Amino acid sequence: MSRYDLLRREGIRLRIRQAICSVLPAAAIVASLIYYLPTEPRTAIVVSLATLIALVFVLHRLWRAMFRPYREWFERSCQIEIETKALRSQVATIFSKYPTRRKGEQFKRTYNLAGRQVRDLEQALSVGMHRERREVFVTVFVRAGIAVRVTASIGSPFRCSASDDPTRWGDHVERLGCDAIFQYHNHPMYNGITGPSDTDYRCSKALMRVLGSHSAKLRSFVICWNDIGEWRVFEYDGLGRHWLHYEFDVAL
């Protein structure tokens, strides 16, 4: 996991602890007041919510003053919030370096995909696919780690396919002297976790059959993001297996 993911997980644990210590006692007090001081239902709801909010605020300040562990949880939560805000800003800075695709403009031209090294290409793809909020299918013909030919098509939020004819891919490999074919698509997922679908596995297997003697050159990838836009690239094959290919951590 990236630095941001680790901080986010730690922050959630700390907030849960603080909530248990402040919200639960406050809720118990409010419940007792409702029981012993019955009022008209609509009024009771309004009074209960206002009392709960006030008590949580009071208990939070009281526990911070009285108990060192609670105070440390709060201080650490503040540190995490500051650091995650900085990480979010760094990711936004990376995204801002790339132009936004105009309506009708080719995806591959907007992000200038041809001629890039693979890792640089994957960054451009990750930014562009994230902005589309739809599945995008990109085929990259690679020679010595450089993208020498790129095709791209934009699909729906749930499906996409190659923009060119896969039966011609073998010809492109031979004509350009390529040593690999990378095919990328994305799942519009923003929790940092995804996996190839059954259709993805079947597609990879079918493409390998079409490529014939060049099938060993095919590598298939799916991209997803966490909530600040850091990307993960998972590789998969036609046998129902997948593994982490690359994880971008803006803190590194």
Protein backbone atom coordinates (compact mmCIF):
# COMPACT_ATOMS: atom_id res chain seq x y z
CA MET A 1 0.00 0.00 0.00
CA SER A 2 1.06 3.58 -0.60
CA ARG A 3 1.94 5.99 2.18
CA TYR A 4 -1.46 7.65 1.75
CA ASP A 5 -3.30 4.32 2.09
CA LEU A 6 -1.41 3.48 5.27
CA LEU A 7 -2.14 6.92 6.76
CA ARG A 8 -5.80 6.67 5.81
CA ARG A 9 -6.12 3.27 7.49
CA GLU A 10 -4.41 4.55 10.62
CA GLY A 11 -6.62 7.66 10.65
CA ILE A 12 -9.79 5.58 10.47
CA ARG A 13 -8.69 3.48 13.44
CA LEU A 14 -7.95 6.62 15.49
CA ARG A 15 -11.31 8.20 14.62
CA ILE A 16 -13.12 5.03 15.65
CA ARG A 17 -11.34 5.05 19.01
CA GLN A 18 -12.21 8.70 19.59
CA ALA A 19 -15.82 8.07 18.60
CA ILE A 20 -16.12 5.17 21.01
CA CYS A 21 -14.79 7.34 23.83
CA SER A 22 -16.93 10.40 23.13
CA VAL A 23 -19.97 9.50 21.03
CA LEU A 24 -21.02 6.38 22.95
CA PRO A 25 -21.05 8.03 26.41
CA ALA A 26 -22.84 11.06 24.96
CA ALA A 27 -25.44 8.80 23.32
CA ALA A 28 -25.97 6.96 26.62
CA ILE A 29 -26.56 10.25 28.45
CA VAL A 30 -29.02 11.45 25.80
CA ALA A 31 -30.89 8.13 25.91
CA SER A 32 -31.24 8.45 29.68
CA LEU A 33 -32.59 11.99 29.37
CA ILE A 34 -35.18 10.87 26.83
CA TYR A 35 -36.26 8.03 29.10
CA TYR A 36 -36.58 10.09 32.27
CA LEU A 37 -37.78 13.34 30.65
CA PRO A 38 -40.35 12.30 28.05
CA THR A 39 -41.44 14.99 25.61
CA GLU A 40 -43.39 15.28 22.38
CA PRO A 41 -41.63 13.05 19.77
CA ARG A 42 -40.70 15.75 17.26
CA THR A 43 -39.32 18.00 19.98
CA ALA A 44 -37.48 15.06 21.53
CA ILE A 45 -35.65 14.36 18.26
CA VAL A 46 -34.47 17.95 17.85
CA VAL A 47 -33.44 18.29 21.49
CA SER A 48 -31.70 14.91 21.46
CA LEU A 49 -29.61 15.73 18.38
CA ALA A 50 -28.61 19.13 19.74
CA THR A 51 -27.74 17.64 23.13
CA LEU A 52 -25.75 14.80 21.52
CA ILE A 53 -23.66 17.20 19.44
CA ALA A 54 -23.00 19.44 22.44
CA LEU A 55 -22.05 16.50 24.67
CA VAL A 56 -19.69 15.00 22.08
CA PHE A 57 -17.93 18.36 21.81
CA VAL A 58 -17.69 18.72 25.61
CA LEU A 59 -16.49 15.15 26.18
CA HIS A 60 -13.95 15.44 23.38
CA ARG A 61 -12.38 18.50 25.02
CA LEU A 62 -12.63 16.92 28.47
CA TRP A 63 -10.96 13.65 27.45
CA ARG A 64 -8.19 15.58 25.67
CA ALA A 65 -7.46 17.46 28.88
CA MET A 66 -7.74 14.46 31.22
CA PHE A 67 -6.41 11.42 29.37
CA ARG A 68 -3.03 11.24 27.65
CA PRO A 69 -3.90 8.35 25.26
CA TYR A 70 -6.94 10.22 23.95
CA ARG A 71 -4.85 13.38 23.55
CA GLU A 72 -2.22 11.42 21.59
CA TRP A 73 -4.91 9.94 19.33
CA PHE A 74 -6.22 13.42 18.58
CA GLU A 75 -2.77 14.90 17.92
CA ARG A 76 -1.83 12.01 15.66
CA SER A 77 -5.12 12.41 13.76
CA CYS A 78 -4.26 16.06 13.13
CA GLN A 79 -0.81 15.10 11.85
CA ILE A 80 -2.33 12.53 9.51
CA GLU A 81 -4.81 15.07 8.17
CA ILE A 82 -1.99 17.52 7.40
CA GLU A 83 0.16 14.88 5.68
CA THR A 84 -2.69 13.41 3.62
CA LYS A 85 -3.67 16.89 2.47
CA ALA A 86 -0.08 17.43 1.26
CA LEU A 87 -0.08 14.07 -0.56
CA ARG A 88 -3.39 14.90 -2.21
CA SER A 89 -1.91 18.20 -3.40
CA GLN A 90 1.14 16.41 -4.87
CA VAL A 91 -1.08 14.06 -6.88
CA ALA A 92 -3.13 17.01 -8.12
CA THR A 93 0.09 18.67 -9.27
CA ILE A 94 0.99 15.60 -11.35
CA PHE A 95 -2.47 15.55 -12.93
CA SER A 96 -2.24 19.26 -13.75
CA LYS A 97 0.83 18.64 -15.93
CA TYR A 98 -1.33 16.84 -18.47
CA PRO A 99 -3.85 18.55 -20.78
CA THR A 100 -7.54 17.72 -20.60
CA ARG A 101 -8.93 15.92 -23.64
CA ARG A 102 -11.27 18.09 -25.68
CA LYS A 103 -14.47 16.66 -27.12
CA GLY A 104 -13.71 14.76 -30.31
CA GLU A 105 -9.95 14.73 -29.70
CA GLN A 106 -8.15 11.40 -29.84
CA PHE A 107 -7.16 10.05 -26.42
CA LYS A 108 -3.71 8.98 -27.61
CA ARG A 109 -2.96 12.41 -29.07
CA THR A 110 -4.11 14.35 -26.02
CA TYR A 111 -1.69 12.43 -23.82
CA ASN A 112 1.02 12.07 -26.48
CA LEU A 113 1.36 8.34 -25.83
CA ALA A 114 3.54 7.26 -28.74
CA GLY A 115 7.27 7.55 -28.12
CA ARG A 116 7.04 7.35 -24.32
CA GLN A 117 8.94 4.91 -22.14
CA VAL A 118 6.67 2.34 -20.53
CA ARG A 119 6.63 3.77 -16.98
CA ASP A 120 6.06 7.29 -18.31
CA LEU A 121 3.35 5.92 -20.59
CA GLU A 122 1.59 4.26 -17.65
CA GLN A 123 1.52 7.56 -15.77
CA ALA A 124 -0.04 9.35 -18.74
CA LEU A 125 -2.54 6.53 -19.18
CA SER A 126 -3.47 6.59 -15.50
CA VAL A 127 -4.13 10.34 -15.55
CA GLY A 128 -6.12 10.18 -18.78
CA MET A 129 -8.19 7.13 -17.85
CA HIS A 130 -8.99 8.60 -14.43
CA ARG A 131 -10.36 11.74 -16.07
CA GLU A 132 -12.53 9.82 -18.52
CA ARG A 133 -14.44 8.00 -15.76
CA ARG A 134 -15.09 5.34 -18.38
CA GLU A 135 -13.21 2.29 -19.52
CA VAL A 136 -10.50 3.00 -22.07
CA PHE A 137 -8.71 0.29 -24.07
CA VAL A 138 -5.15 1.06 -25.14
CA THR A 139 -2.87 -1.18 -27.19
CA VAL A 140 0.84 -0.38 -27.07
CA PHE A 141 3.45 -1.92 -29.37
CA VAL A 142 6.77 -1.79 -27.52
CA ARG A 143 10.32 -1.93 -28.82
CA ALA A 144 13.21 -1.76 -26.33
CA GLY A 145 10.93 -0.27 -23.67
CA ILE A 146 9.54 2.48 -25.94
CA ALA A 147 5.96 2.74 -27.25
CA VAL A 148 6.38 2.80 -31.04
CA ARG A 149 2.69 2.40 -31.92
CA VAL A 150 -0.38 3.15 -29.81
CA THR A 151 -4.10 2.76 -30.43
CA ALA A 152 -6.87 3.72 -28.01
CA SER A 153 -10.64 3.53 -27.77
CA ILE A 154 -13.04 4.94 -25.19
CA GLY A 155 -15.93 2.75 -24.10
CA SER A 156 -18.64 2.91 -21.45
CA PRO A 157 -18.23 2.96 -17.64
CA PHE A 158 -18.28 -0.85 -17.76
CA ARG A 159 -16.88 -2.05 -21.08
CA CYS A 160 -14.38 -1.25 -23.81
CA SER A 161 -12.60 -3.01 -26.67
CA ALA A 162 -9.68 -2.56 -29.03
CA SER A 163 -10.00 0.20 -31.64
CA ASP A 164 -8.10 -1.75 -34.30
CA ASP A 165 -8.17 -5.29 -35.61
CA PRO A 166 -6.22 -7.73 -33.36
CA THR A 167 -5.63 -10.02 -36.34
CA ARG A 168 -3.29 -7.28 -37.66
CA TRP A 169 -1.27 -7.04 -34.46
CA GLY A 170 1.17 -9.74 -35.56
CA ASP A 171 1.90 -7.78 -38.74
CA HIS A 172 2.60 -4.63 -36.70
CA VAL A 173 4.97 -6.58 -34.45
CA GLU A 174 7.00 -7.83 -37.40
CA ARG A 175 6.96 -4.54 -39.32
CA LEU A 176 8.05 -2.46 -36.32
CA GLY A 177 10.38 -5.05 -34.79
CA CYS A 178 8.46 -5.05 -31.49
CA ASP A 179 9.41 -7.23 -28.56
CA ALA A 180 6.12 -6.80 -26.64
CA ILE A 181 2.46 -5.86 -26.95
CA PHE A 182 0.94 -4.24 -23.88
CA GLN A 183 -2.82 -3.92 -23.72
CA TYR A 184 -4.21 -1.70 -20.96
CA HIS A 185 -7.71 -0.95 -19.83
CA ASN A 186 -9.09 0.54 -16.65
CA HIS A 187 -11.80 -0.19 -14.14
CA PRO A 188 -13.33 3.08 -12.91
CA MET A 189 -12.65 2.07 -9.30
CA TYR A 190 -11.37 4.58 -6.74
CA ASN A 191 -10.70 2.47 -3.66
CA GLY A 192 -7.31 1.22 -4.86
CA ILE A 193 -8.51 -2.35 -5.29
CA THR A 194 -9.78 -4.16 -8.35
CA GLY A 195 -9.15 -7.29 -10.33
CA PRO A 196 -9.69 -8.48 -13.88
CA SER A 197 -13.21 -9.63 -14.67
CA ASP A 198 -14.03 -13.00 -16.22
CA THR A 199 -14.46 -11.15 -19.52
CA ASP A 200 -10.96 -9.68 -19.15
CA TYR A 201 -9.45 -13.13 -18.69
CA ARG A 202 -11.36 -14.49 -21.69
CA CYS A 203 -10.31 -11.52 -23.80
CA SER A 204 -6.64 -12.01 -22.95
CA LYS A 205 -6.87 -15.70 -23.79
CA ALA A 206 -8.61 -14.95 -27.09
CA LEU A 207 -6.01 -12.34 -28.04
CA MET A 208 -3.23 -14.83 -27.40
CA ARG A 209 -4.90 -17.29 -29.77
CA VAL A 210 -5.22 -14.61 -32.44
CA LEU A 211 -1.55 -13.63 -32.08
CA GLY A 212 -0.37 -17.20 -32.64
CA SER A 213 3.44 -17.29 -32.71
CA HIS A 214 3.54 -13.79 -31.18
CA SER A 215 1.30 -14.70 -28.22
CA ALA A 216 4.21 -14.74 -25.75
CA LYS A 217 4.71 -11.01 -26.42
CA LEU A 218 1.25 -10.08 -25.12
CA ARG A 219 0.89 -8.63 -21.62
CA SER A 220 -2.48 -7.51 -20.27
CA PHE A 221 -3.03 -4.87 -17.58
CA VAL A 222 -5.89 -3.26 -15.70
CA ILE A 223 -5.57 0.10 -13.89
CA CYS A 224 -7.45 1.44 -10.83
CA TRP A 225 -6.98 4.28 -8.33
CA ASN A 226 -7.36 5.17 -4.68
CA ASP A 227 -9.45 8.17 -3.65
CA ILE A 228 -6.67 10.75 -4.21
CA GLY A 229 -5.78 9.41 -7.66
CA GLU A 230 -2.70 7.27 -6.97
CA TRP A 231 -2.82 4.39 -9.42
CA ARG A 232 -2.23 0.66 -9.33
CA VAL A 233 -1.57 -1.47 -12.37
CA PHE A 234 -2.45 -5.16 -12.17
CA GLU A 235 -1.20 -7.65 -14.74
CA TYR A 236 -3.24 -10.71 -15.67
CA ASP A 237 -3.17 -13.63 -18.09
CA GLY A 238 -5.63 -15.91 -19.84
CA LEU A 239 -5.46 -18.51 -17.08
CA GLY A 240 -7.41 -16.57 -14.46
CA ARG A 241 -4.35 -15.24 -12.62
CA HIS A 242 -3.45 -11.64 -11.76
CA TRP A 243 -0.77 -9.87 -9.72
CA LEU A 244 0.40 -6.36 -8.89
CA HIS A 245 2.56 -4.95 -11.68
CA TYR A 246 3.11 -1.43 -10.34
CA GLU A 247 1.83 0.82 -7.55
CA PHE A 248 2.39 4.57 -7.69
CA ASP A 249 3.18 6.14 -4.32
CA VAL A 250 3.40 9.92 -4.51
CA ALA A 251 5.33 9.98 -1.20
CA LEU A 252 8.30 8.14 -2.73
